[in-house]
Amino acid sequence: MTLLLPIDAEANKLLQRSPLALFIGMILDQQIPLERAFSSPYDLVRRLGHEPTARELAEYDPEALTAIFATPPALHRFPKAMAARVQDACRLLVEKYDGDAAALWSDAGTGKELLKRVSEVPGFGKQKAQIFVALLGKQYGVRPEGWQQAAGDYGPDGTYKSVADIVDADSLVKVREYKQQMKAAAKK
């Protein structure tokens, strides 16, 4: 099974075949609707005219990359900050994983190691790292021993707490309801 969001079919296909696109989508998944976050890698490809590599993005002129992110419709609500974050994350991929996004997770021996690696990504706090571990395990088959425990509350099946649980329209509704409940509880 792979991620299937209510976004353009080509954007979904990109997320299914490109670990870097999935990685970028997860980076952008904050303070904007998840549909926008996970569509943005496809929009980036279209704006560049090709699928970039992590090395290309790591070495891209920062001002030019910001301009690409800011072109309407912007790839993120905060295009300058997120262009920089994507660039920093791609630098991490180049430095530690030879530019291969999948290498970040493909050979992690345990869930604990996977969580540690993902937690090193710029902008990934504990919750975001756990959600990404859950997404990789539930929808991309990345399941080293202990991955569900490493994913914390996001690891169990049927929790409908994050993008990791979205497989159809019904599960999307359940995830949205959960997020609304959490926002309401935080306001109290």
N, C-alpha and C. Protein backbone atom coordinates (compact mmCIF):
# COMPACT_ATOMS: atom_id res chain seq x y z
N MET A 1 0.84 -1.17 0.00
CA MET A 1 0.00 0.00 0.00
C MET A 1 0.89 1.24 0.00
N THR A 2 0.45 2.27 -0.66
CA THR A 2 1.18 3.53 -0.64
C THR A 2 0.19 4.65 -0.42
N LEU A 3 0.73 5.76 -0.04
CA LEU A 3 -0.07 6.94 0.25
C LEU A 3 -0.97 7.29 -0.92
N LEU A 4 -2.23 7.53 -0.62
CA LEU A 4 -3.18 7.94 -1.64
C LEU A 4 -4.00 9.08 -1.04
N LEU A 5 -3.65 10.29 -1.43
CA LEU A 5 -4.30 11.47 -0.91
C LEU A 5 -5.25 12.06 -1.94
N PRO A 6 -6.20 12.89 -1.49
CA PRO A 6 -7.11 13.54 -2.42
C PRO A 6 -6.42 14.72 -3.12
N ILE A 7 -5.41 14.37 -3.92
CA ILE A 7 -4.64 15.36 -4.67
C ILE A 7 -4.54 14.89 -6.11
N ASP A 8 -3.95 15.69 -6.95
CA ASP A 8 -3.76 15.34 -8.36
C ASP A 8 -3.15 13.94 -8.49
N ALA A 9 -3.66 13.17 -9.41
CA ALA A 9 -3.19 11.79 -9.60
C ALA A 9 -1.69 11.74 -9.88
N GLU A 10 -1.20 12.69 -10.64
CA GLU A 10 0.24 12.72 -10.93
C GLU A 10 1.07 13.03 -9.69
N ALA A 11 0.52 13.86 -8.81
CA ALA A 11 1.22 14.15 -7.54
C ALA A 11 1.28 12.89 -6.69
N ASN A 12 0.20 12.12 -6.65
CA ASN A 12 0.21 10.85 -5.92
C ASN A 12 1.23 9.88 -6.51
N LYS A 13 1.27 9.80 -7.83
CA LYS A 13 2.23 8.90 -8.49
C LYS A 13 3.67 9.28 -8.14
N LEU A 14 3.94 10.59 -8.11
CA LEU A 14 5.28 11.05 -7.75
C LEU A 14 5.62 10.61 -6.33
N LEU A 15 4.69 10.76 -5.40
CA LEU A 15 4.93 10.35 -4.02
C LEU A 15 5.17 8.84 -3.92
N GLN A 16 4.54 8.08 -4.80
CA GLN A 16 4.71 6.64 -4.77
C GLN A 16 6.05 6.19 -5.33
N ARG A 17 6.57 6.91 -6.32
CA ARG A 17 7.81 6.46 -6.96
C ARG A 17 9.06 7.18 -6.49
N SER A 18 8.90 8.35 -5.87
CA SER A 18 10.06 9.16 -5.51
C SER A 18 10.19 9.33 -4.00
N PRO A 19 11.16 8.65 -3.39
CA PRO A 19 11.39 8.86 -1.96
C PRO A 19 11.69 10.33 -1.63
N LEU A 20 12.38 11.03 -2.53
CA LEU A 20 12.68 12.43 -2.28
C LEU A 20 11.41 13.28 -2.25
N ALA A 21 10.47 13.00 -3.14
CA ALA A 21 9.20 13.74 -3.14
C ALA A 21 8.44 13.48 -1.84
N LEU A 22 8.40 12.23 -1.40
CA LEU A 22 7.74 11.91 -0.14
C LEU A 22 8.41 12.66 1.01
N PHE A 23 9.71 12.65 1.03
CA PHE A 23 10.51 13.33 2.05
C PHE A 23 10.19 14.83 2.07
N ILE A 24 10.17 15.45 0.90
CA ILE A 24 9.86 16.88 0.81
C ILE A 24 8.42 17.15 1.25
N GLY A 25 7.50 16.32 0.84
CA GLY A 25 6.12 16.48 1.27
C GLY A 25 6.00 16.45 2.79
N MET A 26 6.71 15.54 3.41
CA MET A 26 6.66 15.45 4.87
C MET A 26 7.28 16.69 5.51
N ILE A 27 8.34 17.19 4.95
CA ILE A 27 8.95 18.41 5.47
C ILE A 27 7.94 19.56 5.42
N LEU A 28 7.23 19.67 4.31
CA LEU A 28 6.29 20.78 4.12
C LEU A 28 4.99 20.61 4.88
N ASP A 29 4.75 19.44 5.44
CA ASP A 29 3.49 19.16 6.13
C ASP A 29 3.45 19.79 7.51
N GLN A 30 3.34 21.09 7.52
CA GLN A 30 3.13 21.83 8.76
C GLN A 30 2.58 23.21 8.43
N GLN A 31 1.59 23.60 9.17
CA GLN A 31 0.96 24.91 9.05
C GLN A 31 0.30 25.17 7.70
N ILE A 32 0.07 24.10 6.95
CA ILE A 32 -0.72 24.18 5.72
C ILE A 32 -1.51 22.87 5.60
N PRO A 33 -2.57 22.86 4.80
CA PRO A 33 -3.30 21.60 4.62
C PRO A 33 -2.39 20.51 4.06
N LEU A 34 -2.59 19.29 4.53
CA LEU A 34 -1.72 18.21 4.08
C LEU A 34 -1.80 17.99 2.57
N GLU A 35 -2.95 18.28 1.98
CA GLU A 35 -3.06 18.14 0.52
C GLU A 35 -2.07 19.07 -0.18
N ARG A 36 -1.93 20.29 0.34
CA ARG A 36 -1.00 21.25 -0.26
C ARG A 36 0.44 20.78 -0.04
N ALA A 37 0.73 20.34 1.17
CA ALA A 37 2.09 19.90 1.48
C ALA A 37 2.55 18.77 0.57
N PHE A 38 1.67 17.79 0.36
CA PHE A 38 2.07 16.63 -0.43
C PHE A 38 1.86 16.82 -1.93
N SER A 39 1.22 17.91 -2.33
CA SER A 39 1.14 18.28 -3.75
C SER A 39 2.34 19.12 -4.17
N SER A 40 2.93 19.80 -3.22
CA SER A 40 4.03 20.73 -3.53
C SER A 40 5.24 20.08 -4.18
N PRO A 41 5.62 18.84 -3.82
CA PRO A 41 6.75 18.24 -4.54
C PRO A 41 6.47 18.12 -6.05
N TYR A 42 5.24 17.80 -6.41
CA TYR A 42 4.88 17.72 -7.83
C TYR A 42 4.93 19.10 -8.47
N ASP A 43 4.45 20.11 -7.76
CA ASP A 43 4.54 21.47 -8.29
C ASP A 43 5.99 21.91 -8.45
N LEU A 44 6.84 21.51 -7.53
CA LEU A 44 8.27 21.82 -7.63
C LEU A 44 8.86 21.18 -8.88
N VAL A 45 8.52 19.94 -9.13
CA VAL A 45 9.00 19.24 -10.34
C VAL A 45 8.55 19.99 -11.60
N ARG A 46 7.30 20.40 -11.61
CA ARG A 46 6.78 21.12 -12.78
C ARG A 46 7.49 22.46 -12.96
N ARG A 47 7.76 23.14 -11.89
CA ARG A 47 8.43 24.44 -11.98
C ARG A 47 9.89 24.30 -12.43
N LEU A 48 10.52 23.23 -12.00
CA LEU A 48 11.91 23.00 -12.41
C LEU A 48 12.01 22.40 -13.81
N GLY A 49 10.95 21.73 -14.23
CA GLY A 49 10.95 21.07 -15.53
C GLY A 49 11.53 19.66 -15.50
N HIS A 50 11.85 19.17 -14.31
CA HIS A 50 12.40 17.82 -14.14
C HIS A 50 12.35 17.45 -12.66
N GLU A 51 12.54 16.16 -12.37
CA GLU A 51 12.61 15.72 -10.97
C GLU A 51 14.01 16.03 -10.45
N PRO A 52 14.10 16.87 -9.43
CA PRO A 52 15.42 17.21 -8.91
C PRO A 52 15.99 16.08 -8.06
N THR A 53 17.27 16.12 -7.88
CA THR A 53 17.93 15.22 -6.93
C THR A 53 18.15 15.99 -5.63
N ALA A 54 18.43 15.27 -4.58
CA ALA A 54 18.73 15.92 -3.31
C ALA A 54 19.98 16.78 -3.46
N ARG A 55 20.95 16.29 -4.21
CA ARG A 55 22.18 17.06 -4.41
C ARG A 55 21.89 18.37 -5.14
N GLU A 56 21.05 18.31 -6.16
CA GLU A 56 20.70 19.52 -6.89
C GLU A 56 20.03 20.54 -5.97
N LEU A 57 19.09 20.09 -5.15
CA LEU A 57 18.41 21.02 -4.24
C LEU A 57 19.36 21.53 -3.16
N ALA A 58 20.25 20.69 -2.68
CA ALA A 58 21.21 21.09 -1.66
C ALA A 58 22.13 22.19 -2.18
N GLU A 59 22.46 22.12 -3.46
CA GLU A 59 23.41 23.07 -4.05
C GLU A 59 22.73 24.24 -4.77
N TYR A 60 21.41 24.25 -4.81
CA TYR A 60 20.66 25.28 -5.53
C TYR A 60 20.92 26.64 -4.91
N ASP A 61 20.95 27.66 -5.74
CA ASP A 61 21.08 29.02 -5.24
C ASP A 61 19.90 29.30 -4.30
N PRO A 62 20.16 29.66 -3.04
CA PRO A 62 19.07 29.84 -2.08
C PRO A 62 18.02 30.88 -2.51
N GLU A 63 18.44 31.97 -3.08
CA GLU A 63 17.48 32.99 -3.52
C GLU A 63 16.62 32.48 -4.66
N ALA A 64 17.22 31.75 -5.58
CA ALA A 64 16.47 31.20 -6.71
C ALA A 64 15.48 30.14 -6.23
N LEU A 65 15.90 29.32 -5.26
CA LEU A 65 14.99 28.30 -4.73
C LEU A 65 13.82 28.96 -3.99
N THR A 66 14.11 30.00 -3.24
CA THR A 66 13.05 30.74 -2.56
C THR A 66 12.07 31.31 -3.57
N ALA A 67 12.57 31.85 -4.67
CA ALA A 67 11.70 32.40 -5.71
C ALA A 67 10.80 31.31 -6.29
N ILE A 68 11.34 30.12 -6.48
CA ILE A 68 10.54 29.00 -7.00
C ILE A 68 9.46 28.63 -5.99
N PHE A 69 9.80 28.59 -4.72
CA PHE A 69 8.82 28.27 -3.68
C PHE A 69 7.76 29.35 -3.54
N ALA A 70 8.13 30.61 -3.80
CA ALA A 70 7.22 31.73 -3.59
C ALA A 70 6.32 32.03 -4.79
N THR A 71 6.67 31.51 -5.97
CA THR A 71 5.85 31.77 -7.15
C THR A 71 4.42 31.32 -6.90
N PRO A 72 3.45 32.19 -7.16
CA PRO A 72 2.05 31.81 -6.91
C PRO A 72 1.59 30.65 -7.79
N PRO A 73 0.83 29.74 -7.23
CA PRO A 73 0.58 29.61 -5.80
C PRO A 73 1.83 29.08 -5.09
N ALA A 74 2.17 29.71 -3.99
CA ALA A 74 3.37 29.34 -3.25
C ALA A 74 3.32 27.88 -2.83
N LEU A 75 4.48 27.26 -2.78
CA LEU A 75 4.55 25.85 -2.38
C LEU A 75 4.28 25.67 -0.89
N HIS A 76 4.38 26.74 -0.16
CA HIS A 76 4.11 26.71 1.29
C HIS A 76 3.75 28.10 1.73
N ARG A 77 3.06 28.15 2.83
CA ARG A 77 2.65 29.43 3.43
C ARG A 77 3.86 30.30 3.77
N PHE A 78 4.97 29.67 4.12
CA PHE A 78 6.21 30.36 4.44
C PHE A 78 7.29 29.92 3.45
N PRO A 79 7.25 30.45 2.23
CA PRO A 79 8.13 29.92 1.18
C PRO A 79 9.62 30.08 1.46
N LYS A 80 10.03 31.19 2.01
CA LYS A 80 11.46 31.39 2.26
C LYS A 80 11.97 30.41 3.31
N ALA A 81 11.26 30.30 4.41
CA ALA A 81 11.68 29.40 5.49
C ALA A 81 11.66 27.94 5.04
N MET A 82 10.64 27.57 4.27
CA MET A 82 10.54 26.17 3.88
C MET A 82 11.48 25.81 2.74
N ALA A 83 11.78 26.76 1.87
CA ALA A 83 12.81 26.51 0.85
C ALA A 83 14.14 26.24 1.54
N ALA A 84 14.44 27.03 2.57
CA ALA A 84 15.68 26.84 3.32
C ALA A 84 15.67 25.50 4.06
N ARG A 85 14.52 25.13 4.62
CA ARG A 85 14.43 23.87 5.35
C ARG A 85 14.61 22.68 4.41
N VAL A 86 13.98 22.74 3.25
CA VAL A 86 14.14 21.66 2.26
C VAL A 86 15.60 21.58 1.84
N GLN A 87 16.22 22.73 1.62
CA GLN A 87 17.62 22.74 1.21
C GLN A 87 18.51 22.15 2.31
N ASP A 88 18.27 22.53 3.56
CA ASP A 88 19.05 21.97 4.67
C ASP A 88 18.84 20.46 4.79
N ALA A 89 17.61 20.01 4.61
CA ALA A 89 17.32 18.57 4.70
C ALA A 89 18.00 17.82 3.56
N CYS A 90 18.03 18.42 2.39
CA CYS A 90 18.72 17.78 1.25
C CYS A 90 20.22 17.74 1.49
N ARG A 91 20.75 18.74 2.15
CA ARG A 91 22.19 18.73 2.50
C ARG A 91 22.48 17.57 3.45
N LEU A 92 21.57 17.33 4.39
CA LEU A 92 21.72 16.18 5.28
C LEU A 92 21.73 14.89 4.48
N LEU A 93 20.82 14.77 3.52
CA LEU A 93 20.78 13.56 2.68
C LEU A 93 22.09 13.38 1.92
N VAL A 94 22.63 14.47 1.41
CA VAL A 94 23.89 14.40 0.65
C VAL A 94 25.05 14.00 1.57
N GLU A 95 25.11 14.64 2.72
CA GLU A 95 26.22 14.40 3.64
C GLU A 95 26.20 13.01 4.27
N LYS A 96 25.01 12.52 4.64
CA LYS A 96 24.94 11.26 5.39
C LYS A 96 24.47 10.07 4.57
N TYR A 97 23.75 10.32 3.46
CA TYR A 97 23.13 9.22 2.73
C TYR A 97 23.40 9.28 1.23
N ASP A 98 24.48 9.92 0.85
CA ASP A 98 24.89 10.01 -0.55
C ASP A 98 23.77 10.56 -1.45
N GLY A 99 22.93 11.43 -0.88
CA GLY A 99 21.87 12.05 -1.65
C GLY A 99 20.64 11.19 -1.89
N ASP A 100 20.59 10.02 -1.27
CA ASP A 100 19.49 9.08 -1.48
C ASP A 100 18.50 9.17 -0.33
N ALA A 101 17.33 9.75 -0.58
CA ALA A 101 16.33 9.90 0.48
C ALA A 101 15.94 8.55 1.06
N ALA A 102 15.79 7.54 0.23
CA ALA A 102 15.39 6.21 0.72
C ALA A 102 16.42 5.62 1.67
N ALA A 103 17.68 5.98 1.50
CA ALA A 103 18.72 5.46 2.38
C ALA A 103 18.54 5.94 3.82
N LEU A 104 17.81 7.02 4.00
CA LEU A 104 17.50 7.51 5.34
C LEU A 104 16.77 6.43 6.13
N TRP A 105 15.91 5.68 5.44
CA TRP A 105 15.09 4.69 6.15
C TRP A 105 15.29 3.25 5.72
N SER A 106 15.80 3.00 4.53
CA SER A 106 15.77 1.64 3.99
C SER A 106 16.62 0.63 4.75
N ASP A 107 17.71 1.04 5.34
CA ASP A 107 18.56 0.06 6.02
C ASP A 107 18.63 0.28 7.53
N ALA A 108 17.66 1.00 8.07
CA ALA A 108 17.61 1.15 9.53
C ALA A 108 17.32 -0.22 10.14
N GLY A 109 18.13 -0.64 11.07
CA GLY A 109 18.01 -1.98 11.64
C GLY A 109 16.89 -2.15 12.64
N THR A 110 16.51 -1.06 13.29
CA THR A 110 15.45 -1.11 14.30
C THR A 110 14.57 0.13 14.17
N GLY A 111 13.41 0.06 14.78
CA GLY A 111 12.54 1.23 14.81
C GLY A 111 13.19 2.38 15.55
N LYS A 112 13.92 2.07 16.60
CA LYS A 112 14.61 3.10 17.37
C LYS A 112 15.65 3.82 16.50
N GLU A 113 16.38 3.05 15.70
CA GLU A 113 17.38 3.65 14.80
C GLU A 113 16.68 4.49 13.72
N LEU A 114 15.58 3.99 13.20
CA LEU A 114 14.82 4.73 12.20
C LEU A 114 14.34 6.06 12.77
N LEU A 115 13.79 6.03 13.96
CA LEU A 115 13.32 7.26 14.59
C LEU A 115 14.49 8.22 14.83
N LYS A 116 15.62 7.71 15.24
CA LYS A 116 16.80 8.56 15.46
C LYS A 116 17.22 9.24 14.16
N ARG A 117 17.28 8.48 13.08
CA ARG A 117 17.66 9.05 11.79
C ARG A 117 16.69 10.13 11.34
N VAL A 118 15.40 9.81 11.42
CA VAL A 118 14.38 10.76 10.97
C VAL A 118 14.39 12.00 11.86
N SER A 119 14.68 11.84 13.14
CA SER A 119 14.72 12.97 14.07
C SER A 119 15.85 13.95 13.75
N GLU A 120 16.84 13.50 13.00
CA GLU A 120 17.96 14.38 12.63
C GLU A 120 17.61 15.33 11.48
N VAL A 121 16.48 15.11 10.82
CA VAL A 121 16.07 15.96 9.71
C VAL A 121 15.71 17.34 10.25
N PRO A 122 16.27 18.39 9.67
CA PRO A 122 15.93 19.74 10.13
C PRO A 122 14.42 19.98 10.14
N GLY A 123 13.93 20.46 11.29
CA GLY A 123 12.51 20.75 11.43
C GLY A 123 11.66 19.59 11.92
N PHE A 124 12.27 18.43 12.13
CA PHE A 124 11.52 17.27 12.60
C PHE A 124 11.70 17.15 14.12
N GLY A 125 10.67 17.52 14.84
CA GLY A 125 10.65 17.27 16.27
C GLY A 125 10.18 15.84 16.51
N LYS A 126 9.95 15.51 17.76
CA LYS A 126 9.57 14.14 18.12
C LYS A 126 8.28 13.72 17.43
N GLN A 127 7.26 14.55 17.49
CA GLN A 127 5.95 14.19 16.92
C GLN A 127 6.04 13.99 15.40
N LYS A 128 6.68 14.91 14.71
CA LYS A 128 6.79 14.81 13.25
C LYS A 128 7.61 13.59 12.87
N ALA A 129 8.67 13.32 13.61
CA ALA A 129 9.49 12.14 13.34
C ALA A 129 8.67 10.86 13.54
N GLN A 130 7.87 10.82 14.60
CA GLN A 130 7.05 9.64 14.85
C GLN A 130 6.00 9.46 13.75
N ILE A 131 5.42 10.55 13.30
CA ILE A 131 4.44 10.46 12.21
C ILE A 131 5.10 9.93 10.95
N PHE A 132 6.31 10.38 10.65
CA PHE A 132 7.00 9.91 9.45
C PHE A 132 7.34 8.43 9.58
N VAL A 133 7.78 8.00 10.75
CA VAL A 133 8.05 6.57 10.97
C VAL A 133 6.76 5.77 10.75
N ALA A 134 5.64 6.28 11.27
CA ALA A 134 4.36 5.60 11.08
C ALA A 134 3.97 5.56 9.61
N LEU A 135 4.16 6.66 8.91
CA LEU A 135 3.86 6.72 7.48
C LEU A 135 4.70 5.70 6.70
N LEU A 136 5.98 5.67 6.99
CA LEU A 136 6.86 4.72 6.30
C LEU A 136 6.45 3.28 6.60
N GLY A 137 6.10 3.00 7.84
CA GLY A 137 5.73 1.64 8.22
C GLY A 137 4.38 1.22 7.68
N LYS A 138 3.40 2.08 7.84
CA LYS A 138 2.03 1.72 7.46
C LYS A 138 1.81 1.71 5.96
N GLN A 139 2.45 2.63 5.25
CA GLN A 139 2.11 2.78 3.84
C GLN A 139 3.25 2.47 2.87
N TYR A 140 4.45 2.34 3.37
CA TYR A 140 5.57 2.07 2.47
C TYR A 140 6.34 0.80 2.85
N GLY A 141 5.84 0.06 3.83
CA GLY A 141 6.44 -1.22 4.17
C GLY A 141 7.79 -1.15 4.85
N VAL A 142 8.16 0.00 5.38
CA VAL A 142 9.42 0.15 6.10
C VAL A 142 9.14 -0.22 7.55
N ARG A 143 9.47 -1.46 7.90
CA ARG A 143 9.06 -2.00 9.19
C ARG A 143 10.19 -2.72 9.93
N PRO A 144 11.24 -1.99 10.28
CA PRO A 144 12.26 -2.66 11.08
C PRO A 144 11.68 -3.01 12.45
N GLU A 145 12.28 -3.95 13.11
CA GLU A 145 11.78 -4.39 14.42
C GLU A 145 11.59 -3.18 15.34
N GLY A 146 10.40 -3.10 15.93
CA GLY A 146 10.10 -2.03 16.87
C GLY A 146 9.63 -0.73 16.23
N TRP A 147 9.29 -0.76 14.94
CA TRP A 147 8.89 0.50 14.28
C TRP A 147 7.61 1.07 14.87
N GLN A 148 6.65 0.23 15.22
CA GLN A 148 5.39 0.75 15.77
C GLN A 148 5.61 1.41 17.14
N GLN A 149 6.47 0.82 17.95
CA GLN A 149 6.78 1.43 19.24
C GLN A 149 7.49 2.77 19.02
N ALA A 150 8.41 2.80 18.06
CA ALA A 150 9.13 4.05 17.77
C ALA A 150 8.18 5.14 17.29
N ALA A 151 7.13 4.74 16.59
CA ALA A 151 6.15 5.70 16.08
C ALA A 151 5.21 6.19 17.18
N GLY A 152 5.31 5.64 18.37
CA GLY A 152 4.51 6.11 19.50
C GLY A 152 3.02 5.96 19.24
N ASP A 153 2.25 6.98 19.58
CA ASP A 153 0.80 6.95 19.41
C ASP A 153 0.37 6.83 17.96
N TYR A 154 1.27 7.08 17.02
CA TYR A 154 0.94 7.03 15.60
C TYR A 154 1.16 5.65 14.98
N GLY A 155 1.78 4.73 15.75
CA GLY A 155 2.12 3.42 15.23
C GLY A 155 0.98 2.42 15.10
N PRO A 156 0.10 2.35 16.09
CA PRO A 156 -0.96 1.33 16.00
C PRO A 156 -1.88 1.53 14.80
N ASP A 157 -2.34 0.44 14.23
CA ASP A 157 -3.30 0.52 13.13
C ASP A 157 -4.63 1.03 13.64
N GLY A 158 -5.35 1.72 12.77
CA GLY A 158 -6.70 2.16 13.09
C GLY A 158 -6.79 3.33 14.04
N THR A 159 -5.70 4.09 14.21
CA THR A 159 -5.75 5.22 15.13
C THR A 159 -6.27 6.50 14.46
N TYR A 160 -6.05 6.63 13.18
CA TYR A 160 -6.52 7.78 12.40
C TYR A 160 -6.09 9.11 13.03
N LYS A 161 -4.79 9.21 13.29
CA LYS A 161 -4.26 10.40 13.93
C LYS A 161 -3.41 11.26 13.00
N SER A 162 -3.01 10.72 11.86
CA SER A 162 -2.08 11.47 11.02
C SER A 162 -2.17 11.03 9.56
N VAL A 163 -1.37 11.66 8.74
CA VAL A 163 -1.29 11.32 7.32
C VAL A 163 -0.93 9.84 7.13
N ALA A 164 -0.29 9.24 8.11
CA ALA A 164 0.10 7.83 8.02
C ALA A 164 -1.12 6.91 7.89
N ASP A 165 -2.28 7.40 8.31
CA ASP A 165 -3.49 6.58 8.32
C ASP A 165 -4.42 6.83 7.15
N ILE A 166 -4.07 7.74 6.27
CA ILE A 166 -4.98 8.11 5.18
C ILE A 166 -4.79 7.17 3.99
N VAL A 167 -5.85 6.42 3.69
CA VAL A 167 -5.83 5.50 2.55
C VAL A 167 -7.03 5.70 1.63
N ASP A 168 -8.01 6.47 2.10
CA ASP A 168 -9.22 6.72 1.32
C ASP A 168 -9.95 7.93 1.91
N ALA A 169 -11.09 8.26 1.32
CA ALA A 169 -11.84 9.44 1.77
C ALA A 169 -12.32 9.29 3.22
N ASP A 170 -12.76 8.10 3.60
CA ASP A 170 -13.24 7.89 4.96
C ASP A 170 -12.13 8.09 6.00
N SER A 171 -10.96 7.55 5.72
CA SER A 171 -9.86 7.70 6.67
C SER A 171 -9.40 9.16 6.74
N LEU A 172 -9.47 9.88 5.64
CA LEU A 172 -9.14 11.31 5.64
C LEU A 172 -10.09 12.05 6.58
N VAL A 173 -11.37 11.75 6.50
CA VAL A 173 -12.37 12.40 7.37
C VAL A 173 -12.03 12.09 8.83
N LYS A 174 -11.69 10.85 9.14
CA LYS A 174 -11.38 10.46 10.52
C LYS A 174 -10.14 11.20 11.03
N VAL A 175 -9.12 11.33 10.19
CA VAL A 175 -7.91 12.06 10.59
C VAL A 175 -8.25 13.52 10.84
N ARG A 176 -9.03 14.12 9.97
CA ARG A 176 -9.43 15.53 10.15
C ARG A 176 -10.22 15.71 11.46
N GLU A 177 -11.13 14.78 11.74
CA GLU A 177 -11.91 14.86 12.97
C GLU A 177 -11.00 14.78 14.19
N TYR A 178 -10.02 13.88 14.15
CA TYR A 178 -9.07 13.75 15.26
C TYR A 178 -8.31 15.06 15.45
N LYS A 179 -7.82 15.64 14.36
CA LYS A 179 -7.05 16.88 14.46
C LYS A 179 -7.92 18.01 15.01
N GLN A 180 -9.16 18.07 14.60
CA GLN A 180 -10.07 19.09 15.13
C GLN A 180 -10.29 18.91 16.63
N GLN A 181 -10.42 17.67 17.06
CA GLN A 181 -10.58 17.39 18.48
C GLN A 181 -9.34 17.83 19.27
N MET A 182 -8.17 17.59 18.71
CA MET A 182 -6.93 17.98 19.38
C MET A 182 -6.81 19.51 19.46
N LYS A 183 -7.19 20.20 18.39
CA LYS A 183 -7.16 21.66 18.42
C LYS A 183 -8.14 22.21 19.44
N ALA A 184 -9.33 21.63 19.50
CA ALA A 184 -10.34 22.08 20.47
C ALA A 184 -9.84 21.84 21.90
N ALA A 185 -9.24 20.69 22.13
CA ALA A 185 -8.72 20.37 23.46
C ALA A 185 -7.58 21.32 23.85
N ALA A 186 -6.75 21.69 22.88
CA ALA A 186 -5.64 22.60 23.16
C ALA A 186 -6.13 24.00 23.52
N LYS A 187 -7.28 24.39 22.98
CA LYS A 187 -7.83 25.72 23.27
C LYS A 187 -8.41 25.82 24.67
N LYS A 188 -8.76 24.67 25.24
CA LYS A 188 -9.38 24.68 26.59
C LYS A 188 -8.41 25.00 27.68
